Amino acid sequence: MSSNHLRDERAIAFLKRAGVTPPPLPTSEDPPLVLNKITKPTKPQITYPAGFVGELAQFVCETGYKKQPLYALASALCAVGTVVGQRVMTESGMRSNLYCLVIGPTATGKEHPRRMIDRILTDSGCEALIAGDDISSDVGIVDQLAHTPQLLYLIDEFGKFIKRTQSANASPYVSGILEMLMKLYGLADGTYRGGWTKTNTQTQRQIINQPHVCLYATTTPEQFWPMISTDLVSNGFLNRFFVFQNDDEQPLEQEVSISSIPAFIRDRFKQLYRLPRVPLGCDPAYPQPITIAMEKEARECLREAMMEWKEKSLDQTNKARDLWKRANDMCRKVALILSSAGLSEGGISTIGLTHLEWSVRLVNTLCDNACDKAQLYLGSTNHERHMMRLYQKIKDSGEGISNRELSRTTTDLPTKYRNDLLNQLVESGQITEKIILNDKRSSKGWVVVS
């Protein structure tokens, strides 16, 4: 009897004592594992919507040296959602404020969409909406909103940003930034009332009606996900974000040149920016947005999706189930942006079935992907999180991953500890050894047991 077979029998006996039904041991009659080439992780497949948002995303994607359709879509939604802020709302009062988070490996094209948002809004006369690329304090956000009640933050290295706000040595002004962003997300249709402050001459406080804050942030998986704790999921911080993640380390490179912003894009943003925030003669401090109604077919589609989202939010086996609790809000926001993107001054628009169906597909894709990633770091112990992380990397590889590739992508784990984790996954029947063919060479690897 081989040592591997003896180890398998011991693992099966352990699982039986724990009340778990183990997978059957391979026999001589089982077909041998064949050589397979390593496959890349599956990318989120999302097509662009019809209309201006899709056209804008296509332009951003085609002008980037690295082709990143997913990142371009995030930038288009965020840009349009910012400009129509305080100008449109749904019948329930939902607004177009979005927090979009782009996650990808370093040097894969995350910078280009953020730079294009800046260029497009500046060329279209909307530069006043750009708040900057950093947030220094929670008070700073309020001061900016008091001057301009519509803001778009374009933040790089968001994982480091979160780490800075969560540091034990962070000042109260910095540690309060995340709480302020969470608060403002839900106040787009309400009123922010700050605390009283006393100056040399008087006592006053900031009051901002319907503050509209949008956020477009970029980071790498290694920087962001380790910062995410169970608290940041359960307290509603993470589920306020649209997480656009693409793990492809070698996106398609394109031949591009510096190009001017097309006239139709500039003109469309100018038209959206000219939409009235308040009726003529009314107090500009109290916005009165245009109401965009939802058609009957779209309501039925949303109702069916909400039933599915409710089931997923109650799934006790999913540690990141809280990410589904705002799926309804996210879907309505996207549908509102798609509908209002074609709105002109004095015009009428509705949220149709096409808008809603595409929004549902987007939310389902992004939430499913974010849940898979978040669960890797939501174990009850560090040991469990590391084990889940290894399992997910093997699962994402498709038909198997070589030991060399697995070691390269988990360099933070000591070799002996990594091997111990792999042995535990083998003994529990979750993965098995497999010969992997890579670059015409065979090597030992791992595959998930189906």
Protein backbone atom coordinates (compact mmCIF):
# COMPACT_ATOMS: atom_id res chain seq x y z
CA MET A 1 0.00 0.00 0.00
CA SER A 2 1.41 3.39 -1.01
CA SER A 3 1.84 6.23 1.46
CA ASN A 4 -0.66 8.32 -0.52
CA HIS A 5 -3.29 5.55 -0.33
CA LEU A 6 -2.70 5.16 3.42
CA ARG A 7 -3.06 8.91 3.90
CA ASP A 8 -6.33 8.86 1.93
CA GLU A 9 -7.75 6.08 4.09
CA ARG A 10 -6.85 7.95 7.27
CA ALA A 11 -8.50 11.11 5.92
CA ILE A 12 -11.67 9.15 5.06
CA ALA A 13 -11.80 7.65 8.52
CA PHE A 14 -11.44 11.11 10.05
CA LEU A 15 -14.26 12.49 7.89
CA LYS A 16 -16.57 9.59 8.80
CA ARG A 17 -16.02 10.23 12.51
CA ALA A 18 -16.91 13.89 11.88
CA GLY A 19 -20.15 12.86 10.16
CA VAL A 20 -19.01 13.96 6.68
CA THR A 21 -19.52 11.72 3.64
CA PRO A 22 -16.11 11.51 1.94
CA PRO A 23 -15.60 11.16 -1.82
CA PRO A 24 -14.75 7.61 -3.04
CA LEU A 25 -11.11 6.65 -3.41
CA PRO A 26 -9.89 6.27 -6.99
CA THR A 27 -9.55 2.65 -8.10
CA SER A 28 -7.57 0.96 -10.78
CA GLU A 29 -10.70 1.03 -12.96
CA ASP A 30 -10.93 4.83 -12.79
CA PRO A 31 -9.52 6.59 -15.87
CA PRO A 32 -6.18 8.30 -15.18
CA LEU A 33 -6.01 12.05 -14.91
CA VAL A 34 -4.97 13.44 -18.29
CA LEU A 35 -2.53 16.22 -18.97
CA ASN A 36 -4.16 19.61 -19.23
CA LYS A 37 -2.92 23.05 -20.08
CA ILE A 38 -3.32 25.73 -17.45
CA THR A 39 -6.29 27.97 -18.14
CA LYS A 40 -6.64 31.59 -17.12
CA PRO A 41 -9.23 32.70 -14.53
CA THR A 42 -12.69 33.33 -15.87
CA LYS A 43 -13.38 36.99 -16.55
CA PRO A 44 -16.74 38.59 -15.71
CA GLN A 45 -18.64 38.66 -19.00
CA ILE A 46 -20.65 41.87 -19.30
CA THR A 47 -21.79 43.46 -22.55
CA TYR A 48 -22.24 47.20 -22.86
CA PRO A 49 -25.77 48.60 -22.66
CA ALA A 50 -27.42 50.32 -25.58
CA GLY A 51 -27.35 54.10 -25.51
CA PHE A 52 -24.96 56.80 -24.36
CA VAL A 53 -23.46 54.89 -21.39
CA GLY A 54 -22.44 52.03 -23.69
CA GLU A 55 -21.03 54.43 -26.29
CA LEU A 56 -19.03 56.26 -23.62
CA ALA A 57 -17.66 53.00 -22.20
CA GLN A 58 -16.70 51.85 -25.70
CA PHE A 59 -14.76 55.08 -26.34
CA VAL A 60 -12.89 54.80 -23.03
CA CYS A 61 -12.08 51.15 -23.71
CA GLU A 62 -10.81 51.74 -27.27
CA THR A 63 -8.52 54.62 -26.25
CA GLY A 64 -6.65 52.66 -23.59
CA TYR A 65 -3.29 50.94 -24.20
CA LYS A 66 -4.58 47.95 -22.20
CA LYS A 67 -8.06 46.85 -23.28
CA GLN A 68 -10.24 46.72 -20.17
CA PRO A 69 -13.97 46.74 -21.04
CA LEU A 70 -15.01 46.18 -17.43
CA TYR A 71 -13.03 49.14 -16.09
CA ALA A 72 -14.32 51.36 -18.90
CA LEU A 73 -17.90 50.48 -18.01
CA ALA A 74 -17.30 51.43 -14.37
CA SER A 75 -15.93 54.82 -15.39
CA ALA A 76 -18.85 55.52 -17.76
CA LEU A 77 -21.49 54.72 -15.13
CA CYS A 78 -19.69 56.81 -12.52
CA ALA A 79 -19.24 59.82 -14.82
CA VAL A 80 -22.86 59.92 -15.96
CA GLY A 81 -24.13 59.23 -12.44
CA THR A 82 -22.16 62.22 -11.18
CA VAL A 83 -23.37 64.71 -13.79
CA VAL A 84 -27.08 63.85 -13.46
CA GLY A 85 -26.85 64.05 -9.67
CA GLN A 86 -29.53 66.27 -8.05
CA ARG A 87 -31.25 66.36 -11.45
CA VAL A 88 -33.04 63.00 -11.66
CA MET A 89 -34.54 60.46 -9.29
CA THR A 90 -36.79 57.41 -9.35
CA GLU A 91 -40.37 57.43 -8.08
CA SER A 92 -39.10 56.08 -4.76
CA GLY A 93 -36.50 58.86 -4.47
CA MET A 94 -33.48 56.75 -5.48
CA ARG A 95 -30.56 58.84 -6.81
CA SER A 96 -27.67 58.18 -9.18
CA ASN A 97 -24.79 58.37 -6.67
CA LEU A 98 -22.42 55.42 -7.19
CA TYR A 99 -19.35 54.07 -5.43
CA CYS A 100 -17.39 52.13 -8.06
CA LEU A 101 -14.33 50.10 -7.09
CA VAL A 102 -12.01 48.78 -9.80
CA ILE A 103 -9.75 45.92 -8.68
CA GLY A 104 -7.03 44.42 -10.83
CA PRO A 105 -3.36 43.43 -10.88
CA THR A 106 -0.78 46.17 -11.17
CA ALA A 107 -0.01 47.60 -14.64
CA THR A 108 -3.21 46.26 -16.23
CA GLY A 109 -4.88 49.51 -17.31
CA LYS A 110 -6.68 50.78 -14.22
CA GLU A 111 -5.27 54.30 -14.64
CA HIS A 112 -6.67 55.05 -18.08
CA PRO A 113 -10.43 55.14 -17.28
CA ARG A 114 -9.81 57.42 -14.30
CA ARG A 115 -7.78 59.85 -16.41
CA MET A 116 -10.46 59.77 -19.12
CA ILE A 117 -13.20 60.70 -16.64
CA ASP A 118 -11.14 63.74 -15.66
CA ARG A 119 -10.51 64.73 -19.30
CA ILE A 120 -14.11 64.24 -20.41
CA LEU A 121 -15.68 66.16 -17.53
CA THR A 122 -13.14 68.98 -17.89
CA ASP A 123 -13.65 69.31 -21.66
CA SER A 124 -17.43 69.26 -21.15
CA GLY A 125 -17.45 72.13 -18.66
CA CYS A 126 -18.10 69.91 -15.64
CA GLU A 127 -14.68 70.27 -13.99
CA ALA A 128 -16.23 71.77 -10.84
CA LEU A 129 -17.67 68.33 -10.03
CA ILE A 130 -14.22 66.70 -9.69
CA ALA A 131 -13.36 66.71 -5.99
CA GLY A 132 -9.81 65.38 -6.35
CA ASP A 133 -7.80 62.18 -5.98
CA ASP A 134 -7.57 62.02 -2.20
CA ILE A 135 -9.67 62.55 0.92
CA SER A 136 -7.77 64.08 3.81
CA SER A 137 -10.52 64.03 6.46
CA ASP A 138 -14.23 63.61 7.06
CA VAL A 139 -14.50 67.35 7.72
CA GLY A 140 -12.85 68.01 4.36
CA ILE A 141 -15.63 66.12 2.57
CA VAL A 142 -18.29 68.24 4.27
CA ASP A 143 -16.44 71.48 3.47
CA GLN A 144 -16.23 70.53 -0.20
CA LEU A 145 -19.92 69.58 -0.33
CA ALA A 146 -20.86 72.91 1.27
CA HIS A 147 -19.22 74.61 -1.69
CA THR A 148 -20.24 72.09 -4.39
CA PRO A 149 -23.03 69.67 -3.42
CA GLN A 150 -22.12 67.31 -6.28
CA LEU A 151 -18.70 65.66 -6.03
CA LEU A 152 -16.75 62.91 -7.75
CA TYR A 153 -13.65 61.51 -6.03
CA LEU A 154 -11.08 59.73 -8.22
CA ILE A 155 -8.94 57.75 -5.78
CA ASP A 156 -5.99 55.49 -6.56
CA GLU A 157 -4.48 52.94 -4.17
CA PHE A 158 -7.80 52.54 -2.38
CA GLY A 159 -6.54 49.55 -0.41
CA LYS A 160 -3.81 51.69 1.15
CA PHE A 161 -6.41 54.39 1.73
CA ILE A 162 -8.59 51.99 3.77
CA LYS A 163 -5.56 50.76 5.68
CA ARG A 164 -4.73 54.36 6.60
CA THR A 165 -8.25 55.02 7.90
CA GLN A 166 -8.28 51.75 9.90
CA SER A 167 -4.89 52.29 11.52
CA ALA A 168 -4.81 52.46 15.32
CA ASN A 169 -2.69 55.60 15.00
CA ALA A 170 -5.07 57.38 12.63
CA SER A 171 -6.42 60.73 13.78
CA PRO A 172 -10.18 61.00 14.42
CA TYR A 173 -10.54 63.08 11.25
CA VAL A 174 -9.01 60.29 9.16
CA SER A 175 -10.66 57.33 10.92
CA GLY A 176 -14.05 58.98 10.39
CA ILE A 177 -13.75 59.09 6.58
CA LEU A 178 -15.29 55.66 5.93
CA GLU A 179 -18.19 56.39 8.28
CA MET A 180 -18.78 59.71 6.52
CA LEU A 181 -18.81 58.04 3.09
CA MET A 182 -21.30 55.46 4.36
CA LYS A 183 -23.51 58.18 5.78
CA LEU A 184 -23.48 60.34 2.65
CA TYR A 185 -24.32 57.35 0.44
CA GLY A 186 -27.77 57.18 2.00
CA LEU A 187 -28.32 60.94 2.24
CA ALA A 188 -28.49 61.67 -1.49
CA ASP A 189 -32.24 62.21 -1.07
CA GLY A 190 -32.02 63.67 2.44
CA THR A 191 -30.23 66.36 4.40
CA TYR A 192 -26.83 66.28 6.06
CA ARG A 193 -26.70 68.19 9.34
CA GLY A 194 -23.27 68.45 10.86
CA GLY A 195 -22.39 69.03 14.47
CA TRP A 196 -22.17 72.50 15.96
CA THR A 197 -18.74 74.14 15.82
CA LYS A 198 -17.65 77.27 17.62
CA THR A 199 -15.42 79.90 16.06
CA ASN A 200 -14.08 83.13 17.52
CA THR A 201 -17.18 85.02 16.47
CA GLN A 202 -20.09 82.56 16.31
CA THR A 203 -21.43 79.04 16.65
CA GLN A 204 -22.54 77.33 13.44
CA ARG A 205 -22.97 74.01 11.65
CA GLN A 206 -23.05 72.76 8.07
CA ILE A 207 -26.41 71.88 6.53
CA ILE A 208 -26.35 70.35 3.03
CA ASN A 209 -29.52 69.36 1.19
CA GLN A 210 -29.34 66.20 -0.92
CA PRO A 211 -25.52 65.83 -0.97
CA HIS A 212 -24.45 63.85 -4.03
CA VAL A 213 -21.12 62.04 -3.67
CA CYS A 214 -19.73 59.61 -6.26
CA LEU A 215 -16.53 57.63 -5.92
CA TYR A 216 -14.34 55.95 -8.53
CA ALA A 217 -11.50 54.08 -6.81
CA THR A 218 -8.81 51.70 -8.03
CA THR A 219 -6.66 49.17 -6.19
CA THR A 220 -5.02 45.76 -6.47
CA PRO A 221 -6.44 42.53 -4.99
CA GLU A 222 -3.41 42.16 -2.72
CA GLN A 223 -3.95 45.63 -1.25
CA PHE A 224 -7.73 45.61 -0.93
CA TRP A 225 -9.11 42.23 0.09
CA PRO A 226 -6.82 41.63 3.11
CA MET A 227 -8.16 44.93 4.51
CA ILE A 228 -11.76 43.69 4.33
CA SER A 229 -12.97 42.28 7.63
CA THR A 230 -16.30 40.75 8.56
CA ASP A 231 -17.26 44.07 10.14
CA LEU A 232 -16.76 45.99 6.86
CA VAL A 233 -19.14 43.54 5.18
CA SER A 234 -21.79 43.29 7.89
CA ASN A 235 -21.88 47.03 8.63
CA GLY A 236 -22.79 47.81 5.02
CA PHE A 237 -19.54 49.40 3.86
CA LEU A 238 -18.64 46.93 1.11
CA ASN A 239 -22.17 46.42 -0.20
CA ARG A 240 -22.34 50.12 -1.06
CA PHE A 241 -19.71 49.49 -3.76
CA PHE A 242 -19.98 48.19 -7.29
CA VAL A 243 -16.89 45.95 -7.37
CA PHE A 244 -15.47 45.63 -10.88
CA GLN A 245 -12.68 43.04 -10.63
CA ASN A 246 -10.67 41.48 -13.44
CA ASP A 247 -7.78 39.20 -12.43
CA ASP A 248 -6.28 38.95 -15.93
CA GLU A 249 -2.63 39.91 -15.58
CA GLN A 250 -2.08 40.19 -19.35
CA PRO A 251 -4.98 42.08 -20.95
CA LEU A 252 -4.98 42.64 -24.69
CA GLU A 253 -2.69 45.50 -25.72
CA GLN A 254 -3.92 47.97 -28.34
CA GLU A 255 -2.29 50.39 -30.75
CA VAL A 256 -3.64 53.76 -29.64
CA SER A 257 -2.79 57.43 -30.04
CA ILE A 258 -3.80 60.51 -28.11
CA SER A 259 -7.22 61.49 -29.38
CA SER A 260 -9.60 64.33 -28.68
CA ILE A 261 -12.93 63.79 -26.97
CA PRO A 262 -15.64 63.21 -29.63
CA ALA A 263 -18.08 66.06 -30.01
CA PHE A 264 -21.11 63.87 -29.32
CA ILE A 265 -19.70 62.94 -25.89
CA ARG A 266 -18.93 66.55 -24.94
CA ASP A 267 -22.33 67.74 -26.17
CA ARG A 268 -24.19 65.00 -24.29
CA PHE A 269 -22.47 65.84 -21.00
CA LYS A 270 -23.17 69.53 -21.52
CA GLN A 271 -26.86 68.76 -22.09
CA LEU A 272 -27.04 66.59 -18.97
CA TYR A 273 -25.24 69.24 -16.91
CA ARG A 274 -27.73 71.87 -18.09
CA LEU A 275 -30.69 69.85 -16.79
CA PRO A 276 -32.32 71.98 -14.07
CA ARG A 277 -31.61 71.17 -10.44
CA VAL A 278 -34.52 73.38 -9.36
CA PRO A 279 -37.43 74.98 -11.23
CA LEU A 280 -36.92 78.55 -12.35
CA GLY A 281 -37.31 81.01 -9.49
CA CYS A 282 -36.93 78.43 -6.68
CA ASP A 283 -34.27 78.34 -3.99
CA PRO A 284 -31.16 76.61 -5.45
CA ALA A 285 -30.28 75.24 -2.01
CA TYR A 286 -33.22 72.80 -2.27
CA PRO A 287 -32.90 70.61 -5.40
CA GLN A 288 -36.07 69.35 -7.04
CA PRO A 289 -35.02 66.54 -9.41
CA ILE A 290 -37.01 65.24 -12.35
CA THR A 291 -38.84 62.01 -11.53
CA ILE A 292 -38.10 59.10 -13.89
CA ALA A 293 -40.96 56.59 -13.76
CA MET A 294 -40.53 52.83 -14.19
CA GLU A 295 -42.62 51.00 -16.76
CA LYS A 296 -44.86 48.09 -15.75
CA GLU A 297 -42.76 45.39 -17.45
CA ALA A 298 -39.66 46.71 -15.73
CA ARG A 299 -41.41 46.56 -12.35
CA GLU A 300 -42.26 42.90 -12.90
CA CYS A 301 -38.67 42.14 -13.84
CA LEU A 302 -37.38 43.90 -10.74
CA ARG A 303 -39.87 42.11 -8.50
CA GLU A 304 -38.63 38.70 -9.70
CA ALA A 305 -35.00 39.71 -9.21
CA MET A 306 -35.71 40.98 -5.70
CA MET A 307 -37.06 37.56 -4.67
CA GLU A 308 -33.83 35.92 -5.85
CA TRP A 309 -31.67 38.54 -4.10
CA LYS A 310 -33.56 38.05 -0.85
CA GLU A 311 -32.85 34.31 -0.91
CA LYS A 312 -29.15 34.93 -1.52
CA SER A 313 -28.97 37.49 1.30
CA LEU A 314 -30.35 34.86 3.71
CA ASP A 315 -28.00 32.05 2.61
CA GLN A 316 -26.26 31.08 5.85
CA THR A 317 -23.55 29.16 3.98
CA ASN A 318 -22.34 32.38 2.32
CA LYS A 319 -20.21 34.45 4.68
CA ALA A 320 -20.48 37.42 2.33
CA ARG A 321 -24.28 37.19 1.97
CA ASP A 322 -24.69 40.78 3.22
CA LEU A 323 -23.38 41.98 -0.15
CA TRP A 324 -26.77 41.04 -1.64
CA LYS A 325 -28.78 43.23 0.74
CA ARG A 326 -28.32 46.35 -1.39
CA ALA A 327 -28.72 44.64 -4.76
CA ASN A 328 -32.14 46.25 -5.17
CA ASP A 329 -30.77 49.75 -4.60
CA MET A 330 -27.81 49.13 -6.90
CA CYS A 331 -30.06 47.90 -9.69
CA ARG A 332 -32.37 50.91 -9.46
CA LYS A 333 -29.42 53.32 -9.52
CA VAL A 334 -27.94 51.77 -12.67
CA ALA A 335 -31.32 51.68 -14.42
CA LEU A 336 -31.86 55.34 -13.52
CA ILE A 337 -28.48 56.28 -15.01
CA LEU A 338 -29.15 54.35 -18.23
CA SER A 339 -32.54 56.01 -18.64
CA SER A 340 -31.47 59.56 -17.77
CA ALA A 341 -28.34 59.40 -19.97
CA GLY A 342 -30.55 60.12 -22.98
CA LEU A 343 -32.59 62.82 -21.29
CA SER A 344 -32.68 66.35 -22.70
CA GLU A 345 -33.94 69.58 -21.17
CA GLY A 346 -37.71 69.54 -21.15
CA GLY A 347 -37.76 65.90 -22.27
CA ILE A 348 -39.43 62.88 -20.69
CA SER A 349 -37.82 59.50 -20.04
CA THR A 350 -38.83 56.27 -18.34
CA ILE A 351 -37.00 53.23 -17.00
CA GLY A 352 -37.90 50.51 -19.48
CA LEU A 353 -37.57 46.74 -19.47
CA THR A 354 -34.31 46.90 -21.43
CA HIS A 355 -32.75 49.20 -18.81
CA LEU A 356 -33.87 46.98 -15.97
CA GLU A 357 -32.85 43.65 -17.49
CA TRP A 358 -29.33 44.89 -18.20
CA SER A 359 -29.06 46.35 -14.69
CA VAL A 360 -30.12 43.03 -13.15
CA ARG A 361 -27.49 41.17 -15.16
CA LEU A 362 -24.81 43.64 -14.08
CA VAL A 363 -25.73 43.42 -10.40
CA ASN A 364 -25.87 39.62 -10.47
CA THR A 365 -22.46 39.36 -12.13
CA LEU A 366 -20.73 41.87 -9.88
CA CYS A 367 -22.26 40.61 -6.63
CA ASP A 368 -21.51 36.96 -7.43
CA ASN A 369 -17.91 37.82 -8.20
CA ALA A 370 -17.51 40.04 -5.12
CA CYS A 371 -18.97 37.34 -2.85
CA ASP A 372 -16.53 34.76 -4.18
CA LYS A 373 -13.58 37.07 -3.58
CA ALA A 374 -14.73 38.34 -0.18
CA GLN A 375 -15.27 34.86 1.25
CA LEU A 376 -11.57 34.12 0.83
CA TYR A 377 -10.81 36.65 3.56
CA LEU A 378 -13.81 36.19 5.86
CA GLY A 379 -12.78 33.02 7.68
CA SER A 380 -13.10 32.90 11.45
CA THR A 381 -9.31 32.47 11.77
CA ASN A 382 -6.27 33.43 9.69
CA HIS A 383 -5.61 29.72 9.09
CA GLU A 384 -9.09 29.24 7.63
CA ARG A 385 -8.75 32.34 5.45
CA HIS A 386 -5.46 31.11 4.01
CA MET A 387 -6.96 27.69 3.28
CA MET A 388 -10.00 29.19 1.57
CA ARG A 389 -7.72 31.45 -0.44
CA LEU A 390 -5.68 28.49 -1.74
CA TYR A 391 -8.83 26.55 -2.57
CA GLN A 392 -10.29 29.48 -4.52
CA LYS A 393 -7.10 29.97 -6.53
CA ILE A 394 -7.14 26.31 -7.53
CA LYS A 395 -10.84 26.53 -8.36
CA ASP A 396 -10.41 29.70 -10.43
CA SER A 397 -7.62 28.09 -12.46
CA GLY A 398 -10.20 26.00 -14.29
CA GLU A 399 -8.68 22.63 -15.18
CA GLY A 400 -5.79 22.80 -12.73
CA ILE A 401 -2.89 24.89 -11.52
CA SER A 402 0.76 23.88 -11.25
CA ASN A 403 2.61 23.91 -7.96
CA ARG A 404 4.98 26.50 -9.39
CA GLU A 405 2.20 28.87 -10.42
CA LEU A 406 0.42 28.44 -7.08
CA SER A 407 3.65 29.26 -5.22
CA ARG A 408 4.21 32.32 -7.40
CA THR A 409 0.78 33.76 -6.60
CA THR A 410 0.99 33.05 -2.86
CA THR A 411 4.51 34.19 -2.06
CA ASP A 412 3.35 35.57 1.29
CA LEU A 413 2.80 32.01 2.56
CA PRO A 414 5.91 30.07 3.71
CA THR A 415 6.51 26.95 1.63
CA LYS A 416 6.05 24.49 4.51
CA TYR A 417 2.85 26.19 5.68
CA ARG A 418 1.48 26.24 2.11
CA ASN A 419 2.17 22.52 1.76
CA ASP A 420 0.42 21.85 5.08
CA LEU A 421 -2.64 23.72 3.85
CA LEU A 422 -2.65 21.78 0.58
CA ASN A 423 -2.39 18.48 2.46
CA GLN A 424 -5.40 19.42 4.58
CA LEU A 425 -7.40 20.26 1.45
CA VAL A 426 -6.41 16.90 -0.06
CA GLU A 427 -7.34 14.98 3.09
CA SER A 428 -10.74 16.68 3.24
CA GLY A 429 -11.44 15.63 -0.35
CA GLN A 430 -11.65 19.15 -1.74
CA ILE A 431 -8.64 18.97 -4.09
CA THR A 432 -6.47 16.28 -5.61
CA GLU A 433 -3.08 16.05 -7.27
CA LYS A 434 -2.87 16.32 -11.05
CA ILE A 435 -0.16 16.41 -13.69
CA ILE A 436 -0.28 19.78 -15.44
CA LEU A 437 1.12 20.47 -18.91
CA ASN A 438 2.53 23.98 -19.16
CA ASP A 439 4.83 25.22 -21.91
CA LYS A 440 5.34 21.66 -23.13
CA ARG A 441 6.55 20.58 -19.70
CA SER A 442 4.70 18.46 -17.21
CA SER A 443 4.70 19.30 -13.54
CA LYS A 444 2.82 18.42 -10.39
CA GLY A 445 -0.29 20.46 -9.74
CA TRP A 446 -3.73 20.56 -8.16
CA VAL A 447 -7.34 20.45 -9.26
CA VAL A 448 -10.62 20.82 -7.40
CA VAL A 449 -12.59 17.60 -6.87
CA SER A 450 -15.87 17.98 -8.73
